[in-house]
Amino acid sequence: FSLQVEEELQEQEFLDRCFQEMLEEEEQDWFIPARDLPQGMAQLQQQLHGLSVGDGHAAEDILSKSNLNPDAKEFIPGVKY
């Protein structure tokens, strides 16, 4: 009986080691900006995160000044009408 328990423990330990090795290998393949980008790129990325899209009023202004035909067919590249 104790031999069976010891064998199960060894098997579990082996599986744990394999799983840990697999995680470490995957982590090496992952792209982690803080680790993998040069410092200037990390700073640029932080600046990009700080940007925001307009509050929506600019889009309304553009639409009110537009001279496009609202009844025109939808443009589909490669299709001739």
PDB file of N, CA and C in Angstrom:
ATOM      1  N   PHE A   1       0.827  -1.204   0.000  1.00  0.00           N
ATOM      2  CA  PHE A   1       0.000   0.000   0.000  1.00  0.00           C
ATOM      3  C   PHE A   1       0.867   1.262   0.000  1.00  0.00           C
ATOM      4  N   SER A   2       1.881   1.315   0.872  1.00  0.00           N
ATOM      5  CA  SER A   2       2.737   2.500   0.948  1.00  0.00           C
ATOM      6  C   SER A   2       3.537   2.686  -0.348  1.00  0.00           C
ATOM      7  N   LEU A   3       3.851   1.600  -1.009  1.00  0.00           N
ATOM      8  CA  LEU A   3       4.548   1.686  -2.288  1.00  0.00           C
ATOM      9  C   LEU A   3       3.671   2.387  -3.329  1.00  0.00           C
ATOM     10  N   GLN A   4       2.383   2.073  -3.301  1.00  0.00           N
ATOM     11  CA  GLN A   4       1.453   2.696  -4.242  1.00  0.00           C
ATOM     12  C   GLN A   4       1.327   4.195  -3.947  1.00  0.00           C
ATOM     13  N   VAL A   5       1.239   4.555  -2.666  1.00  0.00           N
ATOM     14  CA  VAL A   5       1.135   5.963  -2.283  1.00  0.00           C
ATOM     15  C   VAL A   5       2.407   6.709  -2.683  1.00  0.00           C
ATOM     16  N   GLU A   6       3.554   6.107  -2.445  1.00  0.00           N
ATOM     17  CA  GLU A   6       4.829   6.733  -2.799  1.00  0.00           C
ATOM     18  C   GLU A   6       4.927   6.935  -4.317  1.00  0.00           C
ATOM     19  N   GLU A   7       4.464   5.952  -5.067  1.00  0.00           N
ATOM     20  CA  GLU A   7       4.477   6.043  -6.520  1.00  0.00           C
ATOM     21  C   GLU A   7       3.567   7.180  -7.003  1.00  0.00           C
ATOM     22  N   GLU A   8       2.392   7.311  -6.384  1.00  0.00           N
ATOM     23  CA  GLU A   8       1.469   8.388  -6.741  1.00  0.00           C
ATOM     24  C   GLU A   8       2.071   9.755  -6.407  1.00  0.00           C
ATOM     25  N   LEU A   9       2.762   9.848  -5.278  1.00  0.00           N
ATOM     26  CA  LEU A   9       3.402  11.111  -4.905  1.00  0.00           C
ATOM     27  C   LEU A   9       4.503  11.482  -5.899  1.00  0.00           C
ATOM     28  N   GLN A  10       5.297  10.496  -6.306  1.00  0.00           N
ATOM     29  CA  GLN A  10       6.345  10.752  -7.284  1.00  0.00           C
ATOM     30  C   GLN A  10       5.753  11.188  -8.624  1.00  0.00           C
ATOM     31  N   GLU A  11       4.657  10.536  -8.996  1.00  0.00           N
ATOM     32  CA  GLU A  11       3.997  10.904 -10.245  1.00  0.00           C
ATOM     33  C   GLU A  11       3.460  12.333 -10.175  1.00  0.00           C
ATOM     34  N   GLN A  12       2.865  12.687  -9.037  1.00  0.00           N
ATOM     35  CA  GLN A  12       2.341  14.039  -8.874  1.00  0.00           C
ATOM     36  C   GLN A  12       3.476  15.069  -8.906  1.00  0.00           C
ATOM     37  N   GLU A  13       4.591  14.744  -8.253  1.00  0.00           N
ATOM     38  CA  GLU A  13       5.746  15.638  -8.255  1.00  0.00           C
ATOM     39  C   GLU A  13       6.286  15.818  -9.673  1.00  0.00           C
ATOM     40  N   PHE A  14       6.343  14.735 -10.427  1.00  0.00           N
ATOM     41  CA  PHE A  14       6.799  14.788 -11.801  1.00  0.00           C
ATOM     42  C   PHE A  14       5.878  15.680 -12.648  1.00  0.00           C
ATOM     43  N   LEU A  15       4.566  15.506 -12.478  1.00  0.00           N
ATOM     44  CA  LEU A  15       3.605  16.327 -13.223  1.00  0.00           C
ATOM     45  C   LEU A  15       3.739  17.797 -12.845  1.00  0.00           C
ATOM     46  N   ASP A  16       3.942  18.076 -11.578  1.00  0.00           N
ATOM     47  CA  ASP A  16       4.117  19.462 -11.128  1.00  0.00           C
ATOM     48  C   ASP A  16       5.354  20.094 -11.770  1.00  0.00           C
ATOM     49  N   ARG A  17       6.461  19.331 -11.810  1.00  0.00           N
ATOM     50  CA  ARG A  17       7.687  19.839 -12.433  1.00  0.00           C
ATOM     51  C   ARG A  17       7.479  20.095 -13.920  1.00  0.00           C
ATOM     52  N   CYS A  18       6.813  19.173 -14.594  1.00  0.00           N
ATOM     53  CA  CYS A  18       6.550  19.345 -16.038  1.00  0.00           C
ATOM     54  C   CYS A  18       5.686  20.563 -16.281  1.00  0.00           C
ATOM     55  N   PHE A  19       4.668  20.740 -15.460  1.00  0.00           N
ATOM     56  CA  PHE A  19       3.773  21.876 -15.608  1.00  0.00           C
ATOM     57  C   PHE A  19       4.525  23.186 -15.389  1.00  0.00           C
ATOM     58  N   GLN A  20       5.390  23.211 -14.382  1.00  0.00           N
ATOM     59  CA  GLN A  20       6.172  24.412 -14.088  1.00  0.00           C
ATOM     60  C   GLN A  20       7.125  24.728 -15.246  1.00  0.00           C
ATOM     61  N   GLU A  21       7.763  23.717 -15.787  1.00  0.00           N
ATOM     62  CA  GLU A  21       8.660  23.922 -16.931  1.00  0.00           C
ATOM     63  C   GLU A  21       7.887  24.450 -18.140  1.00  0.00           C
ATOM     64  N   MET A  22       6.683  23.917 -18.348  1.00  0.00           N
ATOM     65  CA  MET A  22       5.866  24.374 -19.466  1.00  0.00           C
ATOM     66  C   MET A  22       5.517  25.857 -19.287  1.00  0.00           C
ATOM     67  N   LEU A  23       5.147  26.256 -18.073  1.00  0.00           N
ATOM     68  CA  LEU A  23       4.827  27.655 -17.809  1.00  0.00           C
ATOM     69  C   LEU A  23       6.035  28.563 -18.052  1.00  0.00           C
ATOM     70  N   GLU A  24       7.207  28.120 -17.630  1.00  0.00           N
ATOM     71  CA  GLU A  24       8.416  28.915 -17.825  1.00  0.00           C
ATOM     72  C   GLU A  24       8.735  29.066 -19.312  1.00  0.00           C
ATOM     73  N   GLU A  25       8.549  27.997 -20.082  1.00  0.00           N
ATOM     74  CA  GLU A  25       8.789  28.076 -21.530  1.00  0.00           C
ATOM     75  C   GLU A  25       7.811  29.035 -22.190  1.00  0.00           C
ATOM     76  N   GLU A  26       6.553  28.965 -21.804  1.00  0.00           N
ATOM     77  CA  GLU A  26       5.559  29.867 -22.379  1.00  0.00           C
ATOM     78  C   GLU A  26       5.871  31.312 -22.028  1.00  0.00           C
ATOM     79  N   GLU A  27       6.304  31.552 -20.807  1.00  0.00           N
ATOM     80  CA  GLU A  27       6.597  32.908 -20.361  1.00  0.00           C
ATOM     81  C   GLU A  27       7.725  33.513 -21.197  1.00  0.00           C
ATOM     82  N   GLN A  28       8.688  32.696 -21.607  1.00  0.00           N
ATOM     83  CA  GLN A  28       9.778  33.191 -22.439  1.00  0.00           C
ATOM     84  C   GLN A  28       9.263  33.612 -23.810  1.00  0.00           C
ATOM     85  N   ASP A  29       8.215  32.945 -24.302  1.00  0.00           N
ATOM     86  CA  ASP A  29       7.669  33.248 -25.619  1.00  0.00           C
ATOM     87  C   ASP A  29       6.713  34.428 -25.601  1.00  0.00           C
ATOM     88  N   TRP A  30       6.163  34.768 -24.434  1.00  0.00           N
ATOM     89  CA  TRP A  30       5.201  35.867 -24.351  1.00  0.00           C
ATOM     90  C   TRP A  30       5.881  37.198 -24.592  1.00  0.00           C
ATOM     91  N   PHE A  31       5.157  38.117 -25.181  1.00  0.00           N
ATOM     92  CA  PHE A  31       5.648  39.470 -25.394  1.00  0.00           C
ATOM     93  C   PHE A  31       5.209  40.318 -24.208  1.00  0.00           C
ATOM     94  N   ILE A  32       6.166  40.752 -23.424  1.00  0.00           N
ATOM     95  CA  ILE A  32       5.887  41.585 -22.257  1.00  0.00           C
ATOM     96  C   ILE A  32       6.535  42.941 -22.532  1.00  0.00           C
ATOM     97  N   PRO A  33       5.717  43.973 -22.837  1.00  0.00           N
ATOM     98  CA  PRO A  33       6.279  45.263 -23.245  1.00  0.00           C
ATOM     99  C   PRO A  33       7.313  45.822 -22.275  1.00  0.00           C
ATOM    100  N   ALA A  34       7.039  45.771 -20.989  1.00  0.00           N
ATOM    101  CA  ALA A  34       7.967  46.341 -20.016  1.00  0.00           C
ATOM    102  C   ALA A  34       9.331  45.651 -20.083  1.00  0.00           C
ATOM    103  N   ARG A  35       9.318  44.386 -20.437  1.00  0.00           N
ATOM    104  CA  ARG A  35      10.566  43.633 -20.482  1.00  0.00           C
ATOM    105  C   ARG A  35      11.187  43.650 -21.882  1.00  0.00           C
ATOM    106  N   ASP A  36      10.347  43.572 -22.918  1.00  0.00           N
ATOM    107  CA  ASP A  36      10.840  43.325 -24.265  1.00  0.00           C
ATOM    108  C   ASP A  36      11.049  44.572 -25.117  1.00  0.00           C
ATOM    109  N   LEU A  37      10.455  45.693 -24.753  1.00  0.00           N
ATOM    110  CA  LEU A  37      10.635  46.910 -25.537  1.00  0.00           C
ATOM    111  C   LEU A  37      11.772  47.753 -24.975  1.00  0.00           C
ATOM    112  N   PRO A  38      12.469  48.497 -25.841  1.00  0.00           N
ATOM    113  CA  PRO A  38      13.466  49.437 -25.327  1.00  0.00           C
ATOM    114  C   PRO A  38      12.782  50.489 -24.450  1.00  0.00           C
ATOM    115  N   GLN A  39      13.544  51.147 -23.595  1.00  0.00           N
ATOM    116  CA  GLN A  39      12.966  52.101 -22.652  1.00  0.00           C
ATOM    117  C   GLN A  39      12.174  53.203 -23.339  1.00  0.00           C
ATOM    118  N   GLY A  40      12.660  53.711 -24.460  1.00  0.00           N
ATOM    119  CA  GLY A  40      11.945  54.764 -25.183  1.00  0.00           C
ATOM    120  C   GLY A  40      10.579  54.284 -25.645  1.00  0.00           C
ATOM    121  N   MET A  41      10.515  53.023 -26.049  1.00  0.00           N
ATOM    122  CA  MET A  41       9.238  52.468 -26.509  1.00  0.00           C
ATOM    123  C   MET A  41       8.269  52.340 -25.348  1.00  0.00           C
ATOM    124  N   ALA A  42       8.754  51.953 -24.192  1.00  0.00           N
ATOM    125  CA  ALA A  42       7.879  51.824 -23.023  1.00  0.00           C
ATOM    126  C   ALA A  42       7.290  53.185 -22.662  1.00  0.00           C
ATOM    127  N   GLN A  43       8.117  54.233 -22.760  1.00  0.00           N
ATOM    128  CA  GLN A  43       7.630  55.577 -22.461  1.00  0.00           C
ATOM    129  C   GLN A  43       6.581  55.999 -23.486  1.00  0.00           C
ATOM    130  N   LEU A  44       6.818  55.692 -24.744  1.00  0.00           N
ATOM    131  CA  LEU A  44       5.856  56.003 -25.794  1.00  0.00           C
ATOM    132  C   LEU A  44       4.543  55.257 -25.562  1.00  0.00           C
ATOM    133  N   GLN A  45       4.658  54.017 -25.142  1.00  0.00           N
ATOM    134  CA  GLN A  45       3.458  53.230 -24.869  1.00  0.00           C
ATOM    135  C   GLN A  45       2.653  53.852 -23.729  1.00  0.00           C
ATOM    136  N   GLN A  46       3.325  54.344 -22.693  1.00  0.00           N
ATOM    137  CA  GLN A  46       2.626  54.998 -21.596  1.00  0.00           C
ATOM    138  C   GLN A  46       1.908  56.248 -22.096  1.00  0.00           C
ATOM    139  N   GLN A  47       2.550  56.999 -22.976  1.00  0.00           N
ATOM    140  CA  GLN A  47       1.919  58.191 -23.525  1.00  0.00           C
ATOM    141  C   GLN A  47       0.689  57.819 -24.354  1.00  0.00           C
ATOM    142  N   LEU A  48       0.785  56.737 -25.115  1.00  0.00           N
ATOM    143  CA  LEU A  48      -0.351  56.300 -25.915  1.00  0.00           C
ATOM    144  C   LEU A  48      -1.527  55.895 -25.033  1.00  0.00           C
ATOM    145  N   HIS A  49      -1.235  55.271 -23.913  1.00  0.00           N
ATOM    146  CA  HIS A  49      -2.313  54.889 -22.996  1.00  0.00           C
ATOM    147  C   HIS A  49      -3.014  56.116 -22.434  1.00  0.00           C
ATOM    148  N   GLY A  50      -2.308  57.227 -22.357  1.00  0.00           N
ATOM    149  CA  GLY A  50      -2.892  58.444 -21.818  1.00  0.00           C
ATOM    150  C   GLY A  50      -3.772  59.186 -22.812  1.00  0.00           C
ATOM    151  N   LEU A  51      -3.679  58.826 -24.078  1.00  0.00           N
ATOM    152  CA  LEU A  51      -4.488  59.507 -25.097  1.00  0.00           C
ATOM    153  C   LEU A  51      -5.935  59.059 -25.013  1.00  0.00           C
ATOM    154  N   SER A  52      -6.820  59.934 -25.414  1.00  0.00           N
ATOM    155  CA  SER A  52      -8.229  59.553 -25.449  1.00  0.00           C
ATOM    156  C   SER A  52      -8.863  60.093 -26.725  1.00  0.00           C
ATOM    157  N   VAL A  53      -9.910  59.453 -27.128  1.00  0.00           N
ATOM    158  CA  VAL A  53     -10.649  59.884 -28.302  1.00  0.00           C
ATOM    159  C   VAL A  53     -11.553  61.027 -27.871  1.00  0.00           C
ATOM    160  N   GLY A  54     -11.890  61.921 -28.807  1.00  0.00           N
ATOM    161  CA  GLY A  54     -12.706  63.093 -28.493  1.00  0.00           C
ATOM    162  C   GLY A  54     -14.007  62.750 -27.785  1.00  0.00           C
ATOM    163  N   ASP A  55     -14.660  63.779 -27.271  1.00  0.00           N
ATOM    164  CA  ASP A  55     -15.869  63.577 -26.472  1.00  0.00           C
ATOM    165  C   ASP A  55     -17.123  63.393 -27.320  1.00  0.00           C
ATOM    166  N   GLY A  56     -16.997  63.376 -28.632  1.00  0.00           N
ATOM    167  CA  GLY A  56     -18.147  63.130 -29.487  1.00  0.00           C
ATOM    168  C   GLY A  56     -18.673  64.392 -30.142  1.00  0.00           C
ATOM    169  N   HIS A  57     -18.374  65.560 -29.597  1.00  0.00           N
ATOM    170  CA  HIS A  57     -18.872  66.807 -30.174  1.00  0.00           C
ATOM    171  C   HIS A  57     -18.186  67.106 -31.499  1.00  0.00           C
ATOM    172  N   ALA A  58     -16.938  66.730 -31.647  1.00  0.00           N
ATOM    173  CA  ALA A  58     -16.216  66.976 -32.889  1.00  0.00           C
ATOM    174  C   ALA A  58     -16.870  66.207 -34.038  1.00  0.00           C
ATOM    175  N   ALA A  59     -17.326  64.995 -33.783  1.00  0.00           N
ATOM    176  CA  ALA A  59     -17.977  64.201 -34.815  1.00  0.00           C
ATOM    177  C   ALA A  59     -19.270  64.873 -35.261  1.00  0.00           C
ATOM    178  N   GLU A  60     -20.004  65.433 -34.321  1.00  0.00           N
ATOM    179  CA  GLU A  60     -21.248  66.126 -34.669  1.00  0.00           C
ATOM    180  C   GLU A  60     -20.939  67.346 -35.538  1.00  0.00           C
ATOM    181  N   ASP A  61     -19.868  68.073 -35.226  1.00  0.00           N
ATOM    182  CA  ASP A  61     -19.478  69.232 -36.024  1.00  0.00           C
ATOM    183  C   ASP A  61     -19.140  68.822 -37.455  1.00  0.00           C
ATOM    184  N   ILE A  62     -18.408  67.734 -37.597  1.00  0.00           N
ATOM    185  CA  ILE A  62     -18.020  67.250 -38.920  1.00  0.00           C
ATOM    186  C   ILE A  62     -19.259  66.873 -39.722  1.00  0.00           C
ATOM    187  N   LEU A  63     -20.191  66.186 -39.061  1.00  0.00           N
ATOM    188  CA  LEU A  63     -21.405  65.771 -39.768  1.00  0.00           C
ATOM    189  C   LEU A  63     -22.242  66.970 -40.204  1.00  0.00           C
ATOM    190  N   SER A  64     -22.322  67.984 -39.374  1.00  0.00           N
ATOM    191  CA  SER A  64     -23.144  69.137 -39.724  1.00  0.00           C
ATOM    192  C   SER A  64     -22.530  69.935 -40.885  1.00  0.00           C
ATOM    193  N   LYS A  65     -21.224  69.857 -41.074  1.00  0.00           N
ATOM    194  CA  LYS A  65     -20.543  70.596 -42.139  1.00  0.00           C
ATOM    195  C   LYS A  65     -20.324  69.745 -43.390  1.00  0.00           C
ATOM    196  N   SER A  66     -20.699  68.473 -43.330  1.00  0.00           N
ATOM    197  CA  SER A  66     -20.434  67.557 -44.429  1.00  0.00           C
ATOM    198  C   SER A  66     -21.266  67.904 -45.655  1.00  0.00           C
ATOM    199  N   ASN A  67     -20.671  67.725 -46.836  1.00  0.00           N
ATOM    200  CA  ASN A  67     -21.425  67.915 -48.072  1.00  0.00           C
ATOM    201  C   ASN A  67     -21.513  66.601 -48.849  1.00  0.00           C
ATOM    202  N   LEU A  68     -21.398  65.473 -48.144  1.00  0.00           N
ATOM    203  CA  LEU A  68     -21.522  64.165 -48.771  1.00  0.00           C
ATOM    204  C   LEU A  68     -22.993  63.850 -49.020  1.00  0.00           C
ATOM    205  N   ASN A  69     -23.236  63.025 -50.015  1.00  0.00           N
ATOM    206  CA  ASN A  69     -24.599  62.624 -50.354  1.00  0.00           C
ATOM    207  C   ASN A  69     -25.024  61.467 -49.441  1.00  0.00           C
ATOM    208  N   PRO A  70     -25.986  61.676 -48.554  1.00  0.00           N
ATOM    209  CA  PRO A  70     -26.397  60.599 -47.650  1.00  0.00           C
ATOM    210  C   PRO A  70     -27.128  59.472 -48.388  1.00  0.00           C
ATOM    211  N   ASP A  71     -27.597  59.730 -49.620  1.00  0.00           N
ATOM    212  CA  ASP A  71     -28.318  58.709 -50.374  1.00  0.00           C
ATOM    213  C   ASP A  71     -27.404  57.913 -51.312  1.00  0.00           C
ATOM    214  N   ALA A  72     -26.107  58.212 -51.297  1.00  0.00           N
ATOM    215  CA  ALA A  72     -25.170  57.520 -52.195  1.00  0.00           C
ATOM    216  C   ALA A  72     -25.025  56.064 -51.772  1.00  0.00           C
ATOM    217  N   LYS A  73     -24.711  55.215 -52.783  1.00  0.00           N
ATOM    218  CA  LYS A  73     -24.479  53.800 -52.479  1.00  0.00           C
ATOM    219  C   LYS A  73     -23.225  53.663 -51.630  1.00  0.00           C
ATOM    220  N   GLU A  74     -23.184  52.593 -50.860  1.00  0.00           N
ATOM    221  CA  GLU A  74     -22.016  52.323 -50.020  1.00  0.00           C
ATOM    222  C   GLU A  74     -20.820  51.998 -50.903  1.00  0.00           C
ATOM    223  N   PHE A  75     -19.657  52.566 -50.570  1.00  0.00           N
ATOM    224  CA  PHE A  75     -18.443  52.305 -51.333  1.00  0.00           C
ATOM    225  C   PHE A  75     -17.906  50.936 -50.961  1.00  0.00           C
ATOM    226  N   ILE A  76     -17.707  50.105 -51.996  1.00  0.00           N
ATOM    227  CA  ILE A  76     -17.098  48.787 -51.792  1.00  0.00           C
ATOM    228  C   ILE A  76     -15.917  48.719 -52.742  1.00  0.00           C
ATOM    229  N   PRO A  77     -14.693  48.616 -52.221  1.00  0.00           N
ATOM    230  CA  PRO A  77     -13.500  48.577 -53.083  1.00  0.00           C
ATOM    231  C   PRO A  77     -13.588  47.438 -54.103  1.00  0.00           C
ATOM    232  N   GLY A  78     -13.235  47.748 -55.350  1.00  0.00           N
ATOM    233  CA  GLY A  78     -13.203  46.738 -56.403  1.00  0.00           C
ATOM    234  C   GLY A  78     -14.525  46.574 -57.131  1.00  0.00           C
ATOM    235  N   VAL A  79     -15.606  47.160 -56.620  1.00  0.00           N
ATOM    236  CA  VAL A  79     -16.903  47.033 -57.271  1.00  0.00           C
ATOM    237  C   VAL A  79     -17.170  48.297 -58.075  1.00  0.00           C
ATOM    238  N   LYS A  80     -17.535  48.123 -59.345  1.00  0.00           N
ATOM    239  CA  LYS A  80     -17.855  49.277 -60.192  1.00  0.00           C
ATOM    240  C   LYS A  80     -19.366  49.361 -60.352  1.00  0.00           C
ATOM    241  N   TYR A  81     -19.870  50.575 -60.275  1.00  0.00           N
ATOM    242  CA  TYR A  81     -21.315  50.779 -60.399  1.00  0.00           C
ATOM    243  C   TYR A  81     -21.647  51.353 -61.754  1.00  0.00           C
TER     244      TYR A  81
END
